[in-house]
Structure formats: C-alpha cells, structure tokens
Amino acid sequence: MAGHSKFKNIMHRKGAQDLKRAKIFAKLSREITVAARAGNDPEFNPRLRAALALARGQNMPKDKVQVAIQKASGADKADDMAEIRYEGYGTGGAAVIVEALTDNKNRTATEVRTAFGKNGGQMGESGSVAYMFDRVGYIVYKDKNIDQVMDVALNHNAKDVVENENFVEIIVDIDSFAELRDACLKELGDPEEMEIIYMPKANMTLSEAQRETFEKMVAALEDLEDVQNVFHNVE
C-alpha cells in the first residue's frame, strides 16, 4: 500500500501499489503455493481461499494461479518453500520483523543479514524484537462504502476501522481474524489486502539522518526476492 495507509509507517510492507506487476504475481504465487499445501480445495482451506481472493483482486492470470497450486504437490513439489521470520534492529535501535518464503534458507538468511548489515542494522536472534509487536488481522478494501464495511466489520469483532481516501482498513484481533475474513469475502467480495501483520505496541522516532539510513535498509529488505513483508516500529 502506498500513500493512503494509516499503518504504512509502522508496517512498510511490500504492498501491491509499490510493486511492479511481476513482483506482485511472484508474491501471490508463493503465498498460494504455501497455502495449497493444506489442500487445493479453497472451500475447505481458508488460507487458500483468501490467497485466491487476493489474486483475483490483482487480476492474476488463471494459468499462473494454477501453476502456483500445482507446485504444492506432485512432481512440482521441488519448489518446496518454507515460511521464515527474521528479527533485527535498524539504525537508532528500531525493531524490525521480516517475513520470507524461501526454497533455500541459507541463501535467504545471508541476503537478509547483508541487507541489515550494509544499512546500519543488525539481524538478531529469534524473539529479540517480536515481543514489541502484536499480531493482528489486517484487511483493506478499495472503493467500498464505509458504512457497509463498518457494518460487516463491527458485527464480526473488528477492533478498528479507518477510512483513508478511497481505502477502508480493518484491524482485528488474531482470534477473530478467520471469522471476519470469511464474512468479508462473503459480504464484501475480494479485498486489496488480507493478511496477518505485526503491529508495534509502541512507536519510536528517528532523526532525519537516522530515518534516511533506516529507509534504505527497509528498501533493501523489501527488494529481496524471498521477502514477503517487512514490519517495524518507526513512527
């Protein structure tokens, strides 16, 4: 997401509006493949159902979707991706969480460590910064009536609904995410975004010079092929 998100500064994720079309499809393909491991019937696989909804929302070609599903089983399982979370610090001690999907853990760890190190940061141990964040559900709709979205969201335990220009963002506790996700897909259609995010419990402020270095590090992390999302606590 770019330029409209209330949570942009603290999330800094790879959003659909910030990526070239090929990168959008690459990210979606990886998510579909991992989701399809639990079964290729979206009716009985909520994660796959959500991933396919996002793919439709981005007009991802059906053949690319099918290839991504096929990679989860059979002869195509060679592309066996693992979900990995990295934690670390940026300039000024900013907390950073990086989510990746990879078929080569050593390669991805090296690339992430390098992106941290070359830009004033340092990769930490598992758990070193995760305690500074809450995991919550995040759903975004574009060009939807705020009252309609609010009605669905509040009837399914949303904790925050925010309108930003022509986007409506919904935040929900992780325990209620599945219920709200299914209700949104049924009553509001395909979203712009629908995922679990890390939201900081408190934000920090950097100096102008620190922010410039920090943003270079975030950009370097986001540019890595295996990285799906980058979250941080910089205001």
Protein backbone atom coordinates (compact mmCIF):
# COMPACT_ATOMS: atom_id res chain seq x y z
CA MET A 1 0.00 0.00 0.00
CA ALA A 2 1.34 3.46 -0.72
CA GLY A 3 0.30 6.91 0.32
CA HIS A 4 -3.01 6.09 1.97
CA SER A 5 -2.45 3.64 4.78
CA LYS A 6 -2.78 4.74 8.39
CA PHE A 7 -0.41 1.89 9.21
CA LYS A 8 2.09 2.46 6.38
CA ASN A 9 4.82 3.97 8.55
CA ILE A 10 4.79 1.12 11.04
CA MET A 11 4.36 -1.70 8.55
CA HIS A 12 6.34 -0.76 5.45
CA ARG A 13 5.24 -3.96 3.76
CA LYS A 14 5.58 -4.91 0.14
CA GLY A 15 2.22 -3.55 -0.96
CA ALA A 16 0.55 -4.08 -4.29
CA GLN A 17 0.70 -0.38 -5.11
CA ASP A 18 4.50 -0.30 -4.62
CA LEU A 19 5.49 -3.22 -6.79
CA LYS A 20 5.78 -3.92 -10.46
CA ARG A 21 3.26 -6.38 -11.80
CA ALA A 22 5.74 -9.26 -11.97
CA LYS A 23 6.65 -8.86 -8.30
CA ILE A 24 3.01 -8.75 -7.29
CA PHE A 25 2.40 -12.06 -9.04
CA ALA A 26 5.58 -13.60 -7.61
CA LYS A 27 4.50 -12.76 -4.06
CA LEU A 28 0.99 -14.06 -4.64
CA SER A 29 2.28 -17.24 -6.27
CA ARG A 30 4.40 -18.07 -3.25
CA GLU A 31 1.51 -17.48 -0.87
CA ILE A 32 -0.83 -19.64 -2.97
CA THR A 33 1.72 -22.47 -3.09
CA VAL A 34 2.24 -22.50 0.66
CA ALA A 35 -1.49 -22.22 1.34
CA ALA A 36 -2.29 -25.08 -1.06
CA ARG A 37 -0.17 -27.49 0.96
CA ALA A 38 -3.12 -27.81 3.34
CA GLY A 39 -5.38 -28.81 0.44
CA ASN A 40 -6.18 -27.44 -3.00
CA ASP A 41 -9.92 -27.01 -2.42
CA PRO A 42 -10.49 -23.41 -1.25
CA GLU A 43 -13.87 -24.34 0.24
CA PHE A 44 -12.06 -26.35 2.90
CA ASN A 45 -8.84 -24.31 3.03
CA PRO A 46 -9.42 -20.78 4.38
CA ARG A 47 -5.86 -19.61 3.77
CA LEU A 48 -6.01 -20.69 0.12
CA ARG A 49 -9.43 -19.09 -0.22
CA ALA A 50 -8.00 -15.77 0.97
CA ALA A 51 -4.93 -16.08 -1.27
CA LEU A 52 -7.07 -16.74 -4.33
CA ALA A 53 -9.25 -13.75 -3.48
CA LEU A 54 -6.17 -11.53 -3.42
CA ALA A 55 -5.02 -12.99 -6.72
CA ARG A 56 -8.39 -12.18 -8.30
CA GLY A 57 -8.21 -8.70 -6.86
CA GLN A 58 -4.88 -8.16 -8.63
CA ASN A 59 -6.09 -9.75 -11.90
CA MET A 60 -3.52 -12.51 -11.68
CA PRO A 61 -3.80 -14.79 -14.75
CA LYS A 62 -5.56 -18.09 -14.08
CA ASP A 63 -2.69 -20.11 -15.54
CA LYS A 64 -0.26 -18.57 -13.06
CA VAL A 65 -2.66 -19.36 -10.23
CA GLN A 66 -2.93 -22.97 -11.36
CA VAL A 67 0.85 -23.36 -11.61
CA ALA A 68 1.22 -22.00 -8.08
CA ILE A 69 -1.30 -24.53 -6.76
CA GLN A 70 0.37 -27.42 -8.60
CA LYS A 71 3.72 -26.59 -7.01
CA ALA A 72 2.29 -27.61 -3.65
CA SER A 73 2.06 -31.29 -4.63
CA GLY A 74 3.18 -33.95 -7.06
CA ALA A 75 6.08 -33.51 -9.44
CA ASP A 76 6.21 -29.76 -8.90
CA LYS A 77 6.94 -30.07 -5.20
CA ALA A 78 10.62 -29.41 -5.92
CA ASP A 79 9.88 -25.77 -5.23
CA ASP A 80 9.31 -26.58 -1.57
CA MET A 81 9.11 -23.24 0.20
CA ALA A 82 9.43 -22.64 3.91
CA GLU A 83 8.00 -19.77 5.91
CA ILE A 84 10.66 -17.99 7.93
CA ARG A 85 10.64 -14.97 10.25
CA TYR A 86 13.74 -12.89 10.84
CA GLU A 87 14.15 -10.26 13.54
CA GLY A 88 16.62 -7.46 13.89
CA TYR A 89 17.42 -3.84 14.56
CA GLY A 90 17.84 -0.82 12.34
CA THR A 91 19.65 2.42 12.98
CA GLY A 92 18.67 4.03 16.26
CA GLY A 93 17.61 0.65 17.66
CA ALA A 94 14.43 0.41 15.59
CA ALA A 95 12.78 -3.02 15.79
CA VAL A 96 12.26 -4.89 12.51
CA ILE A 97 10.50 -8.14 11.59
CA VAL A 98 10.97 -9.70 8.16
CA GLU A 99 8.74 -12.45 6.78
CA ALA A 100 10.03 -14.61 3.94
CA LEU A 101 9.00 -17.60 1.85
CA THR A 102 12.01 -19.45 0.52
CA ASP A 103 13.22 -22.70 -1.02
CA ASN A 104 16.77 -22.01 0.22
CA LYS A 105 17.03 -20.96 3.88
CA ASN A 106 20.78 -20.39 3.79
CA ARG A 107 20.55 -18.07 0.79
CA THR A 108 17.72 -16.05 2.26
CA ALA A 109 19.34 -15.74 5.70
CA THR A 110 22.55 -14.47 4.09
CA GLU A 111 20.69 -11.94 1.95
CA VAL A 112 18.64 -10.65 4.87
CA ARG A 113 21.70 -10.39 7.13
CA THR A 114 23.56 -8.49 4.42
CA ALA A 115 20.67 -6.06 3.92
CA PHE A 116 20.67 -5.33 7.63
CA GLY A 117 24.44 -5.04 7.94
CA LYS A 118 25.07 -2.82 4.94
CA ASN A 119 22.50 -0.28 6.09
CA GLY A 120 23.31 0.35 9.73
CA GLY A 121 21.31 -2.56 11.12
CA GLN A 122 21.88 -5.94 12.68
CA MET A 123 19.97 -9.21 12.48
CA GLY A 124 19.01 -10.52 15.91
CA GLU A 125 18.01 -13.82 17.46
CA SER A 126 14.51 -15.25 17.25
CA GLY A 127 12.34 -13.43 19.78
CA SER A 128 14.66 -10.45 20.09
CA VAL A 129 12.03 -7.94 18.94
CA ALA A 130 8.82 -9.93 18.42
CA TYR A 131 7.66 -9.12 21.95
CA MET A 132 7.42 -5.45 20.90
CA PHE A 133 4.64 -6.28 18.42
CA ASP A 134 1.11 -7.67 18.45
CA ARG A 135 -0.08 -10.00 15.70
CA VAL A 136 -3.39 -8.80 14.28
CA GLY A 137 -5.53 -9.33 11.23
CA TYR A 138 -5.44 -6.63 8.54
CA ILE A 139 -7.99 -6.28 5.72
CA VAL A 140 -8.17 -3.49 3.14
CA TYR A 141 -10.95 -2.65 0.68
CA LYS A 142 -10.85 -0.08 -2.09
CA ASP A 143 -13.82 1.97 -3.30
CA LYS A 144 -16.22 0.44 -0.78
CA ASN A 145 -18.95 2.23 1.12
CA ILE A 146 -17.61 2.89 4.61
CA ASP A 147 -20.97 2.17 6.25
CA GLN A 148 -21.19 -1.22 4.54
CA VAL A 149 -17.66 -2.16 5.57
CA MET A 150 -18.24 -0.85 9.10
CA ASP A 151 -21.39 -2.92 9.45
CA VAL A 152 -19.65 -6.17 8.48
CA ALA A 153 -16.51 -5.40 10.48
CA LEU A 154 -18.20 -4.47 13.74
CA ASN A 155 -20.57 -7.42 13.53
CA HIS A 156 -17.52 -9.71 13.45
CA ASN A 157 -15.39 -8.27 16.26
CA ALA A 158 -13.19 -5.78 14.39
CA LYS A 159 -11.24 -3.56 16.78
CA ASP A 160 -10.60 -0.66 14.40
CA VAL A 161 -11.97 0.55 11.05
CA VAL A 162 -10.31 3.52 9.34
CA GLU A 163 -11.18 5.29 6.08
CA ASN A 164 -8.24 6.76 4.15
CA GLU A 165 -9.12 8.41 0.84
CA ASN A 166 -10.80 5.62 -1.17
CA PHE A 167 -9.48 2.80 1.03
CA VAL A 168 -11.01 1.30 4.15
CA GLU A 169 -8.71 -0.55 6.55
CA ILE A 170 -9.84 -3.05 9.16
CA ILE A 171 -7.84 -4.26 12.15
CA VAL A 172 -9.00 -7.32 14.10
CA ASP A 173 -7.61 -9.43 16.93
CA ILE A 174 -6.00 -12.58 15.61
CA ASP A 175 -8.53 -14.81 17.39
CA SER A 176 -11.34 -13.22 15.35
CA PHE A 177 -9.45 -12.91 12.06
CA ALA A 178 -10.78 -16.11 10.46
CA GLU A 179 -14.39 -15.21 11.26
CA LEU A 180 -14.05 -11.67 9.91
CA ARG A 181 -12.08 -12.80 6.85
CA ASP A 182 -14.79 -15.24 5.82
CA ALA A 183 -17.54 -12.68 6.44
CA CYS A 184 -15.71 -10.06 4.37
CA LEU A 185 -15.19 -12.43 1.45
CA LYS A 186 -18.86 -13.41 1.53
CA GLU A 187 -20.40 -9.96 2.02
CA LEU A 188 -17.86 -7.52 0.58
CA GLY A 189 -16.04 -9.51 -2.09
CA ASP A 190 -12.32 -9.67 -2.85
CA PRO A 191 -10.10 -7.27 -0.86
CA GLU A 192 -6.97 -5.34 -1.76
CA GLU A 193 -5.13 -6.96 1.16
CA MET A 194 -5.99 -9.62 3.70
CA GLU A 195 -3.29 -10.93 6.00
CA ILE A 196 -1.82 -11.29 9.47
CA ILE A 197 0.54 -8.42 10.33
CA TYR A 198 2.84 -7.38 13.15
CA MET A 199 1.73 -4.10 14.74
CA PRO A 200 4.10 -2.42 17.20
CA LYS A 201 2.90 -1.90 20.76
CA ALA A 202 4.71 1.46 20.76
CA ASN A 203 6.37 3.58 18.08
CA MET A 204 9.75 5.29 18.11
CA THR A 205 11.02 8.44 16.39
CA LEU A 206 14.26 8.72 14.42
CA SER A 207 16.27 11.77 13.49
CA GLU A 208 16.25 12.82 9.84
CA ALA A 209 19.66 11.24 9.23
CA GLN A 210 18.69 8.04 11.04
CA ARG A 211 15.44 7.81 9.11
CA GLU A 212 17.23 8.12 5.78
CA THR A 213 19.54 5.23 6.65
CA PHE A 214 16.66 3.20 8.06
CA GLU A 215 14.53 3.65 4.96
CA LYS A 216 17.42 2.47 2.78
CA MET A 217 17.63 -0.68 4.89
CA VAL A 218 13.89 -1.32 4.64
CA ALA A 219 14.02 -0.80 0.87
CA ALA A 220 16.94 -3.25 0.60
CA LEU A 221 15.00 -5.86 2.57
CA GLU A 222 11.82 -5.36 0.56
CA ASP A 223 13.75 -5.72 -2.68
CA LEU A 224 14.87 -9.26 -1.80
CA GLU A 225 13.03 -11.84 -3.88
CA ASP A 226 12.19 -14.11 -0.95
CA VAL A 227 10.91 -11.37 1.35
CA GLN A 228 7.14 -11.09 1.60
CA ASN A 229 6.68 -8.46 4.33
CA VAL A 230 8.69 -6.05 6.45
CA PHE A 231 7.29 -4.60 9.68
CA HIS A 232 8.88 -2.08 12.07
CA ASN A 233 8.15 0.29 14.94
CA VAL A 234 9.33 3.58 13.46
CA GLU A 235 6.72 6.30 13.60
